[in-house]
C-alpha atoms as a PDB file:
ATOM      1  CA  MET A   1     117.376 120.251  59.592  1.00  0.00           C
ATOM      2  CA  ASP A   2     114.628 121.661  61.800  1.00  0.00           C
ATOM      3  CA  LYS A   3     111.118 123.064  61.485  1.00  0.00           C
ATOM      4  CA  HIS A   4     112.443 126.474  60.414  1.00  0.00           C
ATOM      5  CA  PHE A   5     113.799 124.911  57.221  1.00  0.00           C
ATOM      6  CA  PHE A   6     110.230 124.110  56.158  1.00  0.00           C
ATOM      7  CA  GLN A   7     109.028 127.664  56.788  1.00  0.00           C
ATOM      8  CA  GLN A   8     110.471 128.891  53.497  1.00  0.00           C
ATOM      9  CA  ASP A   9     107.943 129.792  50.839  1.00  0.00           C
ATOM     10  CA  ALA A  10     106.803 126.818  48.778  1.00  0.00           C
ATOM     11  CA  ILE A  11     108.892 127.680  45.712  1.00  0.00           C
ATOM     12  CA  GLU A  12     112.134 127.818  47.678  1.00  0.00           C
ATOM     13  CA  LEU A  13     111.205 124.727  49.672  1.00  0.00           C
ATOM     14  CA  ALA A  14     110.354 122.749  46.524  1.00  0.00           C
ATOM     15  CA  LYS A  15     113.850 123.400  45.204  1.00  0.00           C
ATOM     16  CA  SER A  16     115.580 122.967  48.564  1.00  0.00           C
ATOM     17  CA  ILE A  17     114.336 119.420  49.168  1.00  0.00           C
ATOM     18  CA  LEU A  18     115.372 118.093  45.752  1.00  0.00           C
ATOM     19  CA  GLY A  19     118.113 115.528  46.268  1.00  0.00           C
ATOM     20  CA  MET A  20     117.196 114.997  49.910  1.00  0.00           C
ATOM     21  CA  TYR A  21     116.051 111.681  51.310  1.00  0.00           C
ATOM     22  CA  LEU A  22     112.409 110.845  51.936  1.00  0.00           C
ATOM     23  CA  ILE A  23     112.512 108.068  54.517  1.00  0.00           C
ATOM     24  CA  ARG A  24     109.600 105.837  55.517  1.00  0.00           C
ATOM     25  CA  GLU A  25     109.605 103.594  58.589  1.00  0.00           C
ATOM     26  CA  TYR A  26     106.916 101.071  59.536  1.00  0.00           C
ATOM     27  CA  ASP A  27     106.708  97.541  60.965  1.00  0.00           C
ATOM     28  CA  GLY A  28     110.432  97.570  61.729  1.00  0.00           C
ATOM     29  CA  LYS A  29     111.260  98.329  58.087  1.00  0.00           C
ATOM     30  CA  GLN A  30     112.965 101.343  56.568  1.00  0.00           C
ATOM     31  CA  ILE A  31     112.649 102.570  52.983  1.00  0.00           C
ATOM     32  CA  VAL A  32     115.016 105.269  51.760  1.00  0.00           C
ATOM     33  CA  SER A  33     114.229 107.256  48.627  1.00  0.00           C
ATOM     34  CA  LYS A  34     115.584 110.439  47.050  1.00  0.00           C
ATOM     35  CA  ILE A  35     113.287 113.320  46.143  1.00  0.00           C
ATOM     36  CA  VAL A  36     113.730 114.050  42.426  1.00  0.00           C
ATOM     37  CA  GLU A  37     110.608 116.039  41.453  1.00  0.00           C
ATOM     38  CA  THR A  38     108.405 118.553  43.267  1.00  0.00           C
ATOM     39  CA  GLU A  39     105.677 121.107  42.612  1.00  0.00           C
ATOM     40  CA  SER A  40     104.829 124.313  44.477  1.00  0.00           C
ATOM     41  CA  TYR A  41     101.285 125.352  45.379  1.00  0.00           C
ATOM     42  CA  MET A  42     101.264 128.955  46.491  1.00  0.00           C
ATOM     43  CA  GLY A  43      98.174 129.303  48.619  1.00  0.00           C
ATOM     44  CA  ILE A  44      95.041 131.398  48.407  1.00  0.00           C
ATOM     45  CA  ASN A  45      95.890 133.201  45.147  1.00  0.00           C
ATOM     46  CA  ASP A  46      96.965 130.072  43.259  1.00  0.00           C
ATOM     47  CA  LYS A  47      94.048 128.761  41.177  1.00  0.00           C
ATOM     48  CA  ALA A  48      95.573 125.279  41.193  1.00  0.00           C
ATOM     49  CA  ALA A  49      95.720 125.106  44.999  1.00  0.00           C
ATOM     50  CA  HIS A  50      93.151 123.371  47.185  1.00  0.00           C
ATOM     51  CA  VAL A  51      93.021 126.539  49.287  1.00  0.00           C
ATOM     52  CA  TYR A  52      92.382 128.964  46.420  1.00  0.00           C
ATOM     53  CA  LYS A  53      90.312 131.899  47.731  1.00  0.00           C
ATOM     54  CA  ASP A  54      91.206 130.844  51.288  1.00  0.00           C
ATOM     55  CA  LYS A  55      89.149 127.663  51.140  1.00  0.00           C
ATOM     56  CA  LYS A  56      89.784 126.308  54.631  1.00  0.00           C
ATOM     57  CA  THR A  57      88.063 122.957  55.248  1.00  0.00           C
ATOM     58  CA  ASN A  58      88.735 119.857  57.332  1.00  0.00           C
ATOM     59  CA  ARG A  59      90.522 118.451  54.295  1.00  0.00           C
ATOM     60  CA  THR A  60      92.847 121.432  53.832  1.00  0.00           C
ATOM     61  CA  LYS A  61      93.479 122.069  57.533  1.00  0.00           C
ATOM     62  CA  PRO A  62      97.066 120.689  57.441  1.00  0.00           C
ATOM     63  CA  LEU A  63      98.027 123.388  54.936  1.00  0.00           C
ATOM     64  CA  TYR A  64      97.277 126.101  57.488  1.00  0.00           C
ATOM     65  CA  LEU A  65      99.722 124.592  59.974  1.00  0.00           C
ATOM     66  CA  GLU A  66     103.279 125.901  60.065  1.00  0.00           C
ATOM     67  CA  GLY A  67     105.651 124.544  57.452  1.00  0.00           C
ATOM     68  CA  GLY A  68     106.735 120.940  57.907  1.00  0.00           C
ATOM     69  CA  HIS A  69     103.390 119.159  58.270  1.00  0.00           C
ATOM     70  CA  ILE A  70     102.160 116.315  56.091  1.00  0.00           C
ATOM     71  CA  TYR A  71      99.121 116.771  53.865  1.00  0.00           C
ATOM     72  CA  VAL A  72      97.869 113.560  52.241  1.00  0.00           C
ATOM     73  CA  TYR A  73      94.848 113.505  49.970  1.00  0.00           C
ATOM     74  CA  LEU A  74      93.178 111.024  47.633  1.00  0.00           C
ATOM     75  CA  ILE A  75      92.810 111.440  43.858  1.00  0.00           C
ATOM     76  CA  TYR A  76      90.545 109.442  41.538  1.00  0.00           C
ATOM     77  CA  GLY A  77      89.220 107.747  44.667  1.00  0.00           C
ATOM     78  CA  MET A  78      92.228 105.429  44.813  1.00  0.00           C
ATOM     79  CA  TYR A  79      95.665 107.136  44.798  1.00  0.00           C
ATOM     80  CA  TYR A  80      97.236 109.115  47.633  1.00  0.00           C
ATOM     81  CA  CYS A  81      99.386 112.208  47.093  1.00  0.00           C
ATOM     82  CA  LEU A  82     101.997 113.477  49.549  1.00  0.00           C
ATOM     83  CA  ASN A  83     102.434 117.183  50.252  1.00  0.00           C
ATOM     84  CA  ILE A  84     104.455 119.118  52.809  1.00  0.00           C
ATOM     85  CA  SER A  85     103.140 122.388  54.226  1.00  0.00           C
ATOM     86  CA  ALA A  86     105.416 125.386  53.694  1.00  0.00           C
ATOM     87  CA  ASN A  87     105.837 128.890  55.075  1.00  0.00           C
ATOM     88  CA  LYS A  88     104.437 130.202  58.361  1.00  0.00           C
ATOM     89  CA  GLU A  89     101.244 129.183  60.145  1.00  0.00           C
ATOM     90  CA  ASN A  90      98.082 130.339  58.314  1.00  0.00           C
ATOM     91  CA  ILE A  91      99.977 130.875  55.049  1.00  0.00           C
ATOM     92  CA  PRO A  92      98.673 127.721  53.335  1.00  0.00           C
ATOM     93  CA  GLU A  93     101.386 126.942  50.814  1.00  0.00           C
ATOM     94  CA  CYS A  94     102.661 123.447  50.148  1.00  0.00           C
ATOM     95  CA  VAL A  95     105.014 121.296  48.110  1.00  0.00           C
ATOM     96  CA  LEU A  96     103.780 118.199  46.299  1.00  0.00           C
ATOM     97  CA  ILE A  97     106.330 115.382  46.140  1.00  0.00           C
ATOM     98  CA  ARG A  98     105.882 114.196  42.547  1.00  0.00           C
ATOM     99  CA  ALA A  99     108.597 111.555  42.204  1.00  0.00           C
ATOM    100  CA  VAL A 100     111.342 109.813  44.146  1.00  0.00           C
ATOM    101  CA  GLU A 101     114.260 107.547  43.294  1.00  0.00           C
ATOM    102  CA  PRO A 102     114.483 104.288  45.287  1.00  0.00           C
ATOM    103  CA  ILE A 103     117.710 104.152  47.297  1.00  0.00           C
ATOM    104  CA  GLU A 104     117.418 101.444  49.976  1.00  0.00           C
ATOM    105  CA  ASN A 105     115.016  98.500  50.411  1.00  0.00           C
ATOM    106  CA  ILE A 106     113.787  98.576  46.822  1.00  0.00           C
ATOM    107  CA  ASP A 107     112.324  95.076  47.258  1.00  0.00           C
ATOM    108  CA  GLU A 108     109.915  96.450  49.865  1.00  0.00           C
ATOM    109  CA  ILE A 109     108.897  99.228  47.461  1.00  0.00           C
ATOM    110  CA  SER A 110     108.411  96.618  44.741  1.00  0.00           C
ATOM    111  CA  GLU A 111     106.278  94.423  47.008  1.00  0.00           C
ATOM    112  CA  ASN A 112     104.108  97.413  47.905  1.00  0.00           C
ATOM    113  CA  ARG A 113     103.694  98.380  44.249  1.00  0.00           C
ATOM    114  CA  TYR A 114     103.531  95.049  42.422  1.00  0.00           C
ATOM    115  CA  LYS A 115     103.438  92.262  45.042  1.00  0.00           C
ATOM    116  CA  LYS A 116     106.764  90.841  43.846  1.00  0.00           C
ATOM    117  CA  GLU A 117     110.506  91.367  44.247  1.00  0.00           C
ATOM    118  CA  TYR A 118     112.325  93.976  42.198  1.00  0.00           C
ATOM    119  CA  LYS A 119     114.298  91.345  40.257  1.00  0.00           C
ATOM    120  CA  ASP A 120     111.018  89.958  38.931  1.00  0.00           C
ATOM    121  CA  LEU A 121     109.783  93.281  37.528  1.00  0.00           C
ATOM    122  CA  ASN A 122     109.768  93.962  33.810  1.00  0.00           C
ATOM    123  CA  THR A 123     111.336  97.064  32.270  1.00  0.00           C
ATOM    124  CA  TYR A 124     108.065  99.009  32.281  1.00  0.00           C
ATOM    125  CA  GLN A 125     107.413  98.252  35.960  1.00  0.00           C
ATOM    126  CA  ARG A 126     110.940  99.257  36.981  1.00  0.00           C
ATOM    127  CA  LYS A 127     110.659 102.554  35.125  1.00  0.00           C
ATOM    128  CA  ASN A 128     107.303 103.323  36.723  1.00  0.00           C
ATOM    129  CA  ILE A 129     107.957 102.160  40.267  1.00  0.00           C
ATOM    130  CA  THR A 130     108.011 105.634  41.916  1.00  0.00           C
ATOM    131  CA  ASN A 131     107.836 108.153  39.048  1.00  0.00           C
ATOM    132  CA  GLY A 132     104.589 109.834  40.044  1.00  0.00           C
ATOM    133  CA  PRO A 133     102.818 111.031  43.202  1.00  0.00           C
ATOM    134  CA  GLY A 134     100.404 108.110  43.479  1.00  0.00           C
ATOM    135  CA  LYS A 135     103.093 105.582  42.622  1.00  0.00           C
ATOM    136  CA  LEU A 136     105.523 106.813  45.272  1.00  0.00           C
ATOM    137  CA  CYS A 137     102.803 106.816  47.921  1.00  0.00           C
ATOM    138  CA  MET A 138     101.950 103.231  47.071  1.00  0.00           C
ATOM    139  CA  GLY A 139     105.618 102.217  47.058  1.00  0.00           C
ATOM    140  CA  LEU A 140     106.367 103.889  50.396  1.00  0.00           C
ATOM    141  CA  LYS A 141     103.060 102.884  51.974  1.00  0.00           C
ATOM    142  CA  ILE A 142     101.917 106.472  52.507  1.00  0.00           C
ATOM    143  CA  ASP A 143      98.252 107.031  53.306  1.00  0.00           C
ATOM    144  CA  LYS A 144      95.881 109.259  55.285  1.00  0.00           C
ATOM    145  CA  SER A 145      97.126 107.854  58.593  1.00  0.00           C
ATOM    146  CA  LEU A 146     100.106 110.214  58.189  1.00  0.00           C
ATOM    147  CA  ASN A 147      97.977 113.298  57.535  1.00  0.00           C
ATOM    148  CA  GLU A 148      98.738 116.339  59.765  1.00  0.00           C
ATOM    149  CA  LYS A 149     101.823 114.679  61.276  1.00  0.00           C
ATOM    150  CA  SER A 150     105.225 116.354  61.288  1.00  0.00           C
ATOM    151  CA  ILE A 151     107.627 115.576  58.443  1.00  0.00           C
ATOM    152  CA  LEU A 152     110.270 115.610  61.189  1.00  0.00           C
ATOM    153  CA  GLY A 153     108.681 112.637  62.963  1.00  0.00           C
ATOM    154  CA  ASP A 154     109.744 108.992  62.975  1.00  0.00           C
ATOM    155  CA  GLU A 155     107.279 107.443  60.495  1.00  0.00           C
ATOM    156  CA  LEU A 156     107.926 109.601  57.441  1.00  0.00           C
ATOM    157  CA  TYR A 157     110.634 112.233  57.315  1.00  0.00           C
ATOM    158  CA  ILE A 158     112.915 114.244  55.050  1.00  0.00           C
ATOM    159  CA  SER A 159     116.623 114.301  55.823  1.00  0.00           C
ATOM    160  CA  ASP A 160     119.920 115.190  54.171  1.00  0.00           C
ATOM    161  CA  PHE A 161     121.440 111.906  55.368  1.00  0.00           C
ATOM    162  CA  TYR A 162     120.648 108.328  56.351  1.00  0.00           C
ATOM    163  CA  TYR A 163     122.571 105.501  57.994  1.00  0.00           C
ATOM    164  CA  LYS A 164     123.735 102.390  56.145  1.00  0.00           C
ATOM    165  CA  ASN A 165     125.688  99.812  58.148  1.00  0.00           C
ATOM    166  CA  ASN A 166     126.460 102.505  60.741  1.00  0.00           C
ATOM    167  CA  GLU A 167     127.849 104.779  58.017  1.00  0.00           C
ATOM    168  CA  LYS A 168     126.273 108.209  57.559  1.00  0.00           C
ATOM    169  CA  ILE A 169     125.359 108.690  53.895  1.00  0.00           C
ATOM    170  CA  TYR A 170     124.839 112.336  52.950  1.00  0.00           C
ATOM    171  CA  ALA A 171     122.645 113.607  50.135  1.00  0.00           C
ATOM    172  CA  ASP A 172     124.443 114.668  46.965  1.00  0.00           C
ATOM    173  CA  ASN A 173     123.531 118.166  45.802  1.00  0.00           C
ATOM    174  CA  ASN A 174     125.692 118.071  42.692  1.00  0.00           C
ATOM    175  CA  PHE A 175     122.913 118.355  40.110  1.00  0.00           C
ATOM    176  CA  GLU A 176     121.066 120.884  38.001  1.00  0.00           C
ATOM    177  CA  ILE A 177     117.407 121.731  38.584  1.00  0.00           C
ATOM    178  CA  GLU A 178     115.083 122.010  35.603  1.00  0.00           C
ATOM    179  CA  ILE A 179     111.692 123.695  35.766  1.00  0.00           C
ATOM    180  CA  GLY A 180     108.397 123.314  33.964  1.00  0.00           C
ATOM    181  CA  LYS A 181     104.641 123.600  34.201  1.00  0.00           C
ATOM    182  CA  ARG A 182     102.768 121.662  36.857  1.00  0.00           C
ATOM    183  CA  ILE A 183     101.049 118.471  35.719  1.00  0.00           C
ATOM    184  CA  ASN A 184      97.306 117.795  35.255  1.00  0.00           C
ATOM    185  CA  ILE A 185      95.983 121.196  36.345  1.00  0.00           C
ATOM    186  CA  ASP A 186      94.313 122.338  33.123  1.00  0.00           C
ATOM    187  CA  TYR A 187      91.384 123.655  35.201  1.00  0.00           C
ATOM    188  CA  ALA A 188      93.607 126.326  36.772  1.00  0.00           C
ATOM    189  CA  GLN A 189      93.383 128.918  33.952  1.00  0.00           C
ATOM    190  CA  GLU A 190      96.536 131.058  33.819  1.00  0.00           C
ATOM    191  CA  ALA A 191      98.001 129.207  36.828  1.00  0.00           C
ATOM    192  CA  LYS A 192      98.445 126.087  34.695  1.00  0.00           C
ATOM    193  CA  ASP A 193     101.265 127.875  32.880  1.00  0.00           C
ATOM    194  CA  TYR A 194     103.277 128.857  35.952  1.00  0.00           C
ATOM    195  CA  LEU A 195     106.713 127.224  35.994  1.00  0.00           C
ATOM    196  CA  TRP A 196     106.355 125.822  39.484  1.00  0.00           C
ATOM    197  CA  ARG A 197     107.509 122.254  38.880  1.00  0.00           C
ATOM    198  CA  PHE A 198     111.124 121.438  39.712  1.00  0.00           C
ATOM    199  CA  TYR A 199     113.108 118.304  38.983  1.00  0.00           C
ATOM    200  CA  ILE A 200     116.626 116.915  38.884  1.00  0.00           C
ATOM    201  CA  LYS A 201     118.096 117.044  35.400  1.00  0.00           C
ATOM    202  CA  ASN A 202     118.588 113.646  33.712  1.00  0.00           C
ATOM    203  CA  ASN A 203     117.049 111.651  36.557  1.00  0.00           C
ATOM    204  CA  LYS A 204     115.169 108.683  35.098  1.00  0.00           C
ATOM    205  CA  TYR A 205     112.521 108.677  37.837  1.00  0.00           C
ATOM    206  CA  VAL A 206     111.116 112.110  36.930  1.00  0.00           C
ATOM    207  CA  SER A 207     107.508 111.718  35.785  1.00  0.00           C
ATOM    208  CA  VAL A 208     107.460 114.150  32.845  1.00  0.00           C
ATOM    209  CA  ILE A 209     110.404 115.741  31.038  1.00  0.00           C
ATOM    210  CA  GLU A 210     109.849 119.159  29.478  1.00  0.00           C
ATOM    211  CA  LYS A 211     110.486 119.454  25.738  1.00  0.00           C
ATOM    212  CA  ASN A 212     111.744 123.007  26.147  1.00  0.00           C
ATOM    213  CA  LYS A 213     113.847 122.695  29.263  1.00  0.00           C
ATOM    214  CA  THR A 214     114.698 125.607  31.506  1.00  0.00           C
ATOM    215  CA  VAL A 215     117.431 125.357  34.099  1.00  0.00           C
ATOM    216  CA  SER A 216     116.650 126.978  37.437  1.00  0.00           C
ATOM    217  CA  LYS A 217     119.130 129.438  38.893  1.00  0.00           C
END
């Protein structure tokens, strides 16, 4: 995987990275998670996008970089959200990573989320460990220090494989993709109804399951 992979439009990229690994490395630790839910934000004509009407600010600057750059922002003054820029330079599309499935080092994720080991979590905490954009950022220790960096770097990266005990573990792409409306964008008028959310069918870490499911082609 190289930078050209991330220069697809945000809808194609959002589907392409489902099932891939989102890997976080810090302080000599490695967390491996699987991307299970994404949303596309389609740039200057998308009323749900931060760059609607070409609103270029210091905050949105990473979106104008070529595809494959990290865009982290804060919501409610307390939760970070992770986005990846898509498409070519100055076409400010992005993909929001909405949910991931813990794969390796789940105790570290649990410590980051709840200050205790995974075995000590109750059923509610286990279900909610990474099933939302703020939750996954907390669990993977993602914050503004990663903003504008490459998603092909060595602190936070997306890959179709990882190593476990010197064995190369490849991502499994044997799943169906379901689609639905994006979450919590009621302000976006007609854009709130666009089916630009994508998730792995029957994955328990998806944040919201559509009542009327549509399978993506």
